[in-house]
Amino acid sequence: MDTLNLPAPIAAYFAADPETEALARCFTAQAVLKDEGHTYTGVRAIQAFLADASAKYDATTVPFALEQEDGSHRVRATVTGNFPGSPIVLSYRFRLEGALIASLEITA
């Protein structure tokens, strides 16, 4: 992760995982997170989703690639955990607002 030179809010997001309170502090108040076919809006909804996912999957995420696309940052990461198909490579598309994450979309 350190060799990718991730923007500070994104580095903080991956460093905080799986601590959901620390993860929640990475987002703006009205941030939007999309994952597993669902959309979560606001820090409380995002924190609840992240806590549930952490308990359910016990996953470890290791970022390995960073690209900038259309004003967003796309990070590809290997995710290993308690789920079928583990490990899997996921794509994290971040849109930043200042020093916080305004939106995050996680896809396979």
Protein backbone atom coordinates (compact mmCIF):
# COMPACT_ATOMS: atom_id res chain seq x y z
CA MET A 1 0.00 0.00 0.00
CA ASP A 2 2.78 2.49 0.85
CA THR A 3 4.37 2.18 -2.60
CA LEU A 4 1.13 3.25 -4.31
CA ASN A 5 1.31 6.82 -2.98
CA LEU A 6 -2.41 6.87 -2.25
CA PRO A 7 -4.11 10.22 -1.60
CA ALA A 8 -4.34 10.79 2.18
CA PRO A 9 -8.12 10.10 2.55
CA ILE A 10 -7.78 6.83 0.62
CA ALA A 11 -4.69 5.76 2.55
CA ALA A 12 -6.57 6.51 5.78
CA TYR A 13 -9.51 4.37 4.60
CA PHE A 14 -7.34 1.31 3.94
CA ALA A 15 -5.26 1.87 7.10
CA ALA A 16 -8.42 2.06 9.25
CA ASP A 17 -9.89 -1.23 7.95
CA PRO A 18 -11.48 -3.07 9.83
CA GLU A 19 -12.01 -0.45 12.58
CA THR A 20 -15.44 0.84 11.55
CA GLU A 21 -15.36 3.98 13.71
CA ALA A 22 -12.05 5.01 12.13
CA LEU A 23 -13.40 4.10 8.68
CA ALA A 24 -16.48 6.26 9.23
CA ARG A 25 -14.26 9.28 9.99
CA CYS A 26 -12.86 9.00 6.44
CA PHE A 27 -16.22 10.02 4.89
CA THR A 28 -18.08 13.31 4.47
CA ALA A 29 -21.36 13.61 6.40
CA GLN A 30 -23.46 12.94 3.26
CA ALA A 31 -21.10 10.43 1.62
CA VAL A 32 -22.47 7.62 -0.53
CA LEU A 33 -21.12 4.07 -0.54
CA LYS A 34 -22.24 1.50 -3.12
CA ASP A 35 -21.45 -2.18 -2.61
CA GLU A 36 -23.13 -5.55 -3.08
CA GLY A 37 -25.99 -3.96 -5.06
CA HIS A 38 -26.93 -1.56 -2.26
CA THR A 39 -26.41 2.16 -1.69
CA TYR A 40 -25.65 3.58 1.76
CA THR A 41 -25.95 7.33 2.31
CA GLY A 42 -24.51 9.19 5.30
CA VAL A 43 -21.84 8.27 7.81
CA ARG A 44 -24.16 6.26 10.10
CA ALA A 45 -25.49 4.07 7.28
CA ILE A 46 -21.97 3.56 5.92
CA GLN A 47 -20.61 2.69 9.36
CA ALA A 48 -23.42 0.18 9.96
CA PHE A 49 -22.78 -1.49 6.59
CA LEU A 50 -19.01 -1.63 7.18
CA ALA A 51 -19.49 -3.11 10.67
CA ASP A 52 -21.83 -5.78 9.29
CA ALA A 53 -19.48 -6.62 6.40
CA SER A 54 -16.49 -6.79 8.74
CA ALA A 55 -18.26 -9.20 11.09
CA LYS A 56 -19.63 -11.29 8.24
CA TYR A 57 -16.53 -11.62 6.04
CA ASP A 58 -13.51 -11.03 8.34
CA ALA A 59 -11.73 -9.68 5.26
CA THR A 60 -8.22 -8.37 4.72
CA THR A 61 -7.68 -5.86 1.89
CA VAL A 62 -4.35 -5.25 0.17
CA PRO A 63 -4.35 -2.44 -2.44
CA PHE A 64 -1.99 -3.00 -5.38
CA ALA A 65 -2.91 -0.51 -8.13
CA LEU A 66 -4.06 3.11 -8.39
CA GLU A 67 -5.45 4.97 -11.42
CA GLN A 68 -7.10 8.36 -11.82
CA GLU A 69 -10.24 8.42 -13.98
CA ASP A 70 -12.71 11.26 -14.58
CA GLY A 71 -11.94 13.05 -11.33
CA SER A 72 -11.99 9.89 -9.25
CA HIS A 73 -9.37 7.49 -7.97
CA ARG A 74 -9.68 3.78 -8.74
CA VAL A 75 -7.83 1.42 -6.43
CA ARG A 76 -7.62 -2.29 -7.17
CA ALA A 77 -7.09 -4.52 -4.18
CA THR A 78 -6.89 -8.18 -3.29
CA VAL A 79 -9.50 -9.05 -0.68
CA THR A 80 -9.18 -12.26 1.33
CA GLY A 81 -11.81 -13.36 3.80
CA ASN A 82 -14.61 -15.68 4.81
CA PHE A 83 -16.61 -15.65 1.56
CA PRO A 84 -16.93 -17.88 -1.51
CA GLY A 85 -14.25 -17.23 -4.14
CA SER A 86 -11.74 -15.77 -1.68
CA PRO A 87 -9.36 -14.22 -2.50
CA ILE A 88 -10.89 -11.83 -5.04
CA VAL A 89 -9.72 -8.63 -6.71
CA LEU A 90 -12.08 -5.71 -6.12
CA SER A 91 -12.15 -2.21 -7.56
CA TYR A 92 -12.69 0.76 -5.22
CA ARG A 93 -13.70 3.98 -6.99
CA PHE A 94 -13.25 6.97 -4.68
CA ARG A 95 -14.42 10.54 -5.25
CA LEU A 96 -12.80 12.90 -2.79
CA GLU A 97 -14.05 16.15 -1.32
CA GLY A 98 -11.20 17.93 0.40
CA ALA A 99 -9.63 15.58 2.93
CA LEU A 100 -12.60 13.18 3.00
CA ILE A 101 -14.29 10.58 0.83
CA ALA A 102 -17.51 11.86 -0.78
CA SER A 103 -18.33 8.61 -2.56
CA LEU A 104 -17.04 5.07 -2.84
CA GLU A 105 -18.19 2.36 -5.19
CA ILE A 106 -16.87 -1.17 -4.67
CA THR A 107 -17.15 -3.63 -7.57
CA ALA A 108 -15.73 -6.97 -8.62
